[in-house]
N, C-alpha and C. Protein backbone atom coordinates (compact mmCIF):
# COMPACT_ATOMS: atom_id res chain seq x y z
N MET A 1 128.92 79.62 59.31
CA MET A 1 128.32 79.67 60.61
C MET A 1 127.65 81.04 60.79
N ALA A 2 126.45 81.03 61.29
CA ALA A 2 125.70 82.27 61.50
C ALA A 2 126.27 83.04 62.69
N THR A 3 126.28 84.36 62.54
CA THR A 3 126.75 85.18 63.66
C THR A 3 125.58 85.52 64.57
N LYS A 4 125.89 85.67 65.85
CA LYS A 4 124.85 86.02 66.80
C LYS A 4 124.62 87.52 66.74
N ARG A 5 123.36 87.92 66.64
CA ARG A 5 123.01 89.34 66.57
C ARG A 5 122.69 89.86 67.96
N GLU A 6 123.03 91.10 68.18
CA GLU A 6 122.68 91.77 69.43
C GLU A 6 121.17 92.00 69.45
N PRO A 7 120.57 92.07 70.64
CA PRO A 7 119.14 92.36 70.71
C PRO A 7 118.84 93.74 70.11
N TRP A 8 117.69 93.87 69.47
CA TRP A 8 117.29 95.12 68.87
C TRP A 8 117.03 96.16 69.96
N ARG A 9 117.42 97.41 69.70
CA ARG A 9 117.18 98.51 70.63
C ARG A 9 116.76 99.74 69.83
N GLY A 10 115.82 100.49 70.39
CA GLY A 10 115.44 101.75 69.78
C GLY A 10 116.49 102.82 70.08
N ARG A 11 116.52 103.83 69.27
CA ARG A 11 117.44 104.96 69.48
C ARG A 11 116.75 105.98 70.36
N VAL A 12 117.34 106.29 71.51
CA VAL A 12 116.76 107.25 72.44
C VAL A 12 117.31 108.64 72.13
N VAL A 13 116.41 109.58 71.96
CA VAL A 13 116.75 110.97 71.67
C VAL A 13 116.15 111.82 72.78
N LEU A 14 116.93 112.75 73.31
CA LEU A 14 116.45 113.62 74.38
C LEU A 14 115.91 114.92 73.82
N HIS A 15 114.73 115.29 74.24
CA HIS A 15 114.19 116.61 73.95
C HIS A 15 115.02 117.62 74.74
N ASP A 16 115.05 118.87 74.30
CA ASP A 16 115.83 119.90 74.99
C ASP A 16 115.52 119.96 76.48
N VAL A 17 114.24 119.87 76.84
CA VAL A 17 113.84 119.95 78.25
C VAL A 17 114.45 118.81 79.04
N ALA A 18 114.33 117.59 78.53
CA ALA A 18 114.90 116.43 79.23
C ALA A 18 116.42 116.55 79.33
N GLY A 19 117.04 117.04 78.28
CA GLY A 19 118.49 117.23 78.31
C GLY A 19 118.92 118.20 79.39
N ARG A 20 118.19 119.30 79.53
CA ARG A 20 118.49 120.27 80.59
C ARG A 20 118.26 119.67 81.97
N GLN A 21 117.21 118.87 82.11
CA GLN A 21 116.94 118.22 83.40
C GLN A 21 118.09 117.29 83.78
N ILE A 22 118.55 116.52 82.82
CA ILE A 22 119.64 115.58 83.08
C ILE A 22 120.93 116.32 83.40
N ASP A 23 121.16 117.45 82.73
CA ASP A 23 122.36 118.25 83.00
C ASP A 23 122.43 118.72 84.44
N THR A 24 121.28 118.95 85.07
CA THR A 24 121.27 119.46 86.44
C THR A 24 121.23 118.35 87.49
N MET A 25 121.16 117.09 87.05
CA MET A 25 121.10 115.97 88.00
C MET A 25 122.47 115.67 88.60
N THR A 26 122.44 115.06 89.76
CA THR A 26 123.66 114.58 90.39
C THR A 26 124.06 113.27 89.72
N ASP A 27 125.27 112.82 89.97
CA ASP A 27 125.73 111.54 89.43
C ASP A 27 124.86 110.39 89.94
N ASP A 28 124.44 110.46 91.20
CA ASP A 28 123.58 109.41 91.76
C ASP A 28 122.23 109.37 91.06
N GLU A 29 121.67 110.54 90.76
CA GLU A 29 120.39 110.59 90.05
C GLU A 29 120.53 110.04 88.63
N ARG A 30 121.62 110.39 87.97
CA ARG A 30 121.86 109.85 86.62
C ARG A 30 122.03 108.34 86.66
N ALA A 31 122.64 107.83 87.71
CA ALA A 31 122.82 106.38 87.85
C ALA A 31 121.47 105.68 87.99
N LEU A 32 120.49 106.34 88.62
CA LEU A 32 119.14 105.77 88.71
C LEU A 32 118.41 105.85 87.38
N LEU A 33 118.64 106.91 86.64
CA LEU A 33 117.95 107.13 85.36
C LEU A 33 118.48 106.22 84.25
N HIS A 34 119.77 105.99 84.23
CA HIS A 34 120.40 105.25 83.12
C HIS A 34 119.73 103.89 82.84
N PRO A 35 119.52 103.01 83.83
CA PRO A 35 118.90 101.73 83.51
C PRO A 35 117.47 101.85 83.00
N VAL A 36 116.76 102.89 83.43
CA VAL A 36 115.39 103.10 82.95
C VAL A 36 115.41 103.46 81.47
N ILE A 37 116.33 104.33 81.08
CA ILE A 37 116.46 104.69 79.66
C ILE A 37 116.85 103.46 78.85
N ALA A 38 117.73 102.63 79.38
CA ALA A 38 118.13 101.39 78.68
C ALA A 38 116.94 100.45 78.52
N GLU A 39 116.09 100.36 79.54
CA GLU A 39 114.89 99.53 79.44
C GLU A 39 113.96 100.04 78.34
N LEU A 40 113.79 101.35 78.26
CA LEU A 40 112.94 101.93 77.21
C LEU A 40 113.50 101.66 75.82
N ALA A 41 114.82 101.73 75.69
CA ALA A 41 115.44 101.45 74.39
C ALA A 41 115.19 100.00 73.98
N ALA A 42 115.17 99.10 74.94
CA ALA A 42 114.95 97.69 74.65
C ALA A 42 113.49 97.37 74.38
N ASP A 43 112.57 98.10 75.03
CA ASP A 43 111.14 97.83 74.85
C ASP A 43 110.35 99.10 75.13
N HIS A 44 109.95 99.80 74.10
CA HIS A 44 109.25 101.07 74.27
C HIS A 44 107.82 100.91 74.78
N THR A 45 107.32 99.68 74.86
CA THR A 45 105.94 99.45 75.30
C THR A 45 105.84 99.17 76.80
N ILE A 46 106.92 99.31 77.56
CA ILE A 46 106.85 99.00 78.99
C ILE A 46 106.11 100.07 79.79
N GLY A 47 105.94 101.24 79.22
CA GLY A 47 105.23 102.31 79.91
C GLY A 47 103.73 102.19 79.70
N THR A 48 103.02 103.21 80.16
CA THR A 48 101.57 103.25 79.97
C THR A 48 101.25 104.36 78.98
N HIS A 49 100.20 104.11 78.21
CA HIS A 49 99.79 105.04 77.17
C HIS A 49 98.35 105.43 77.43
N SER A 50 98.10 106.72 77.56
CA SER A 50 96.74 107.21 77.78
C SER A 50 96.02 107.36 76.45
N GLU A 51 94.78 106.96 76.42
CA GLU A 51 93.97 107.04 75.21
C GLU A 51 93.93 108.49 74.70
N GLY A 52 94.14 108.66 73.43
CA GLY A 52 94.06 109.97 72.80
C GLY A 52 95.28 110.85 72.98
N ARG A 53 96.35 110.33 73.55
CA ARG A 53 97.57 111.12 73.76
C ARG A 53 98.71 110.47 73.00
N VAL A 54 99.69 111.27 72.62
CA VAL A 54 100.83 110.70 71.89
C VAL A 54 101.92 110.23 72.85
N GLU A 55 101.99 110.84 74.04
CA GLU A 55 103.08 110.49 74.94
C GLU A 55 102.75 109.28 75.82
N TRP A 56 103.80 108.61 76.22
CA TRP A 56 103.74 107.48 77.13
C TRP A 56 104.44 107.89 78.42
N GLU A 57 104.18 107.13 79.48
CA GLU A 57 104.84 107.40 80.75
C GLU A 57 105.32 106.08 81.35
N TYR A 58 106.54 106.10 81.86
CA TYR A 58 107.10 104.93 82.53
C TYR A 58 107.62 105.37 83.89
N ARG A 59 107.21 104.64 84.94
CA ARG A 59 107.62 104.97 86.31
C ARG A 59 108.22 103.75 86.98
N THR A 60 109.24 104.03 87.78
CA THR A 60 109.75 103.04 88.72
C THR A 60 109.58 103.68 90.10
N ASP A 61 110.16 103.07 91.13
CA ASP A 61 110.03 103.65 92.47
C ASP A 61 110.53 105.09 92.55
N ARG A 62 111.60 105.39 91.83
CA ARG A 62 112.23 106.71 91.99
C ARG A 62 112.38 107.50 90.69
N VAL A 63 111.96 106.93 89.57
CA VAL A 63 112.18 107.58 88.28
C VAL A 63 110.87 107.65 87.50
N ARG A 64 110.67 108.79 86.84
CA ARG A 64 109.52 108.96 85.94
C ARG A 64 110.05 109.52 84.62
N VAL A 65 109.64 108.89 83.53
CA VAL A 65 110.05 109.33 82.20
C VAL A 65 108.81 109.46 81.33
N VAL A 66 108.66 110.60 80.68
CA VAL A 66 107.59 110.81 79.70
C VAL A 66 108.27 110.77 78.34
N TYR A 67 107.73 109.96 77.44
CA TYR A 67 108.40 109.77 76.15
C TYR A 67 107.39 109.55 75.03
N ILE A 68 107.87 109.72 73.81
CA ILE A 68 107.05 109.52 72.62
C ILE A 68 107.81 108.59 71.69
N PRO A 69 107.33 107.36 71.52
CA PRO A 69 108.00 106.44 70.59
C PRO A 69 107.44 106.59 69.18
N THR A 70 108.28 106.30 68.19
CA THR A 70 107.76 106.21 66.83
C THR A 70 106.92 104.95 66.75
N VAL A 71 106.18 104.80 65.69
CA VAL A 71 105.25 103.68 65.55
C VAL A 71 105.95 102.33 65.76
N LEU A 72 107.11 102.15 65.20
CA LEU A 72 107.82 100.88 65.34
C LEU A 72 108.80 100.88 66.52
N GLY A 73 108.89 101.99 67.23
CA GLY A 73 109.79 102.08 68.37
C GLY A 73 111.25 102.20 68.00
N THR A 74 111.52 102.58 66.75
CA THR A 74 112.92 102.70 66.34
C THR A 74 113.57 103.94 66.93
N VAL A 75 112.75 104.97 67.21
CA VAL A 75 113.23 106.19 67.86
C VAL A 75 112.30 106.48 69.04
N ILE A 76 112.88 106.78 70.18
CA ILE A 76 112.12 107.11 71.37
C ILE A 76 112.55 108.50 71.82
N LEU A 77 111.64 109.46 71.74
CA LEU A 77 111.92 110.83 72.15
C LEU A 77 111.57 110.98 73.62
N VAL A 78 112.57 111.19 74.45
CA VAL A 78 112.35 111.40 75.88
C VAL A 78 112.07 112.88 76.07
N ALA A 79 110.86 113.17 76.54
CA ALA A 79 110.41 114.55 76.66
C ALA A 79 110.63 115.12 78.05
N TYR A 80 110.60 114.28 79.09
CA TYR A 80 110.63 114.77 80.45
C TYR A 80 111.14 113.66 81.37
N VAL A 81 111.95 114.01 82.34
CA VAL A 81 112.45 113.03 83.31
C VAL A 81 112.38 113.60 84.72
N GLU A 82 112.14 112.72 85.68
CA GLU A 82 112.18 113.08 87.11
C GLU A 82 112.90 111.97 87.84
N VAL A 83 113.72 112.32 88.79
CA VAL A 83 114.36 111.34 89.67
C VAL A 83 114.20 111.87 91.08
N GLY A 84 113.66 111.04 91.94
CA GLY A 84 113.46 111.53 93.30
C GLY A 84 113.50 110.45 94.34
């Protein structure tokens, strides 16, 4: 019998700047950020990509994440985060 596989997810890596930003966030702000990071891990193409730039941007009502995915989306480098 075949085993059921978990959905594929990219590995999210935080740039030093994003890591410092997250370190200064409140627990409530981190709670808003967490599902957005999980969405990016599941699908790195949900953000917008500007022509001629390497970074992508994904926004929700209260969260903004700037990130750089590898070509296949196996690694997603989160460069900058905002929660407001």
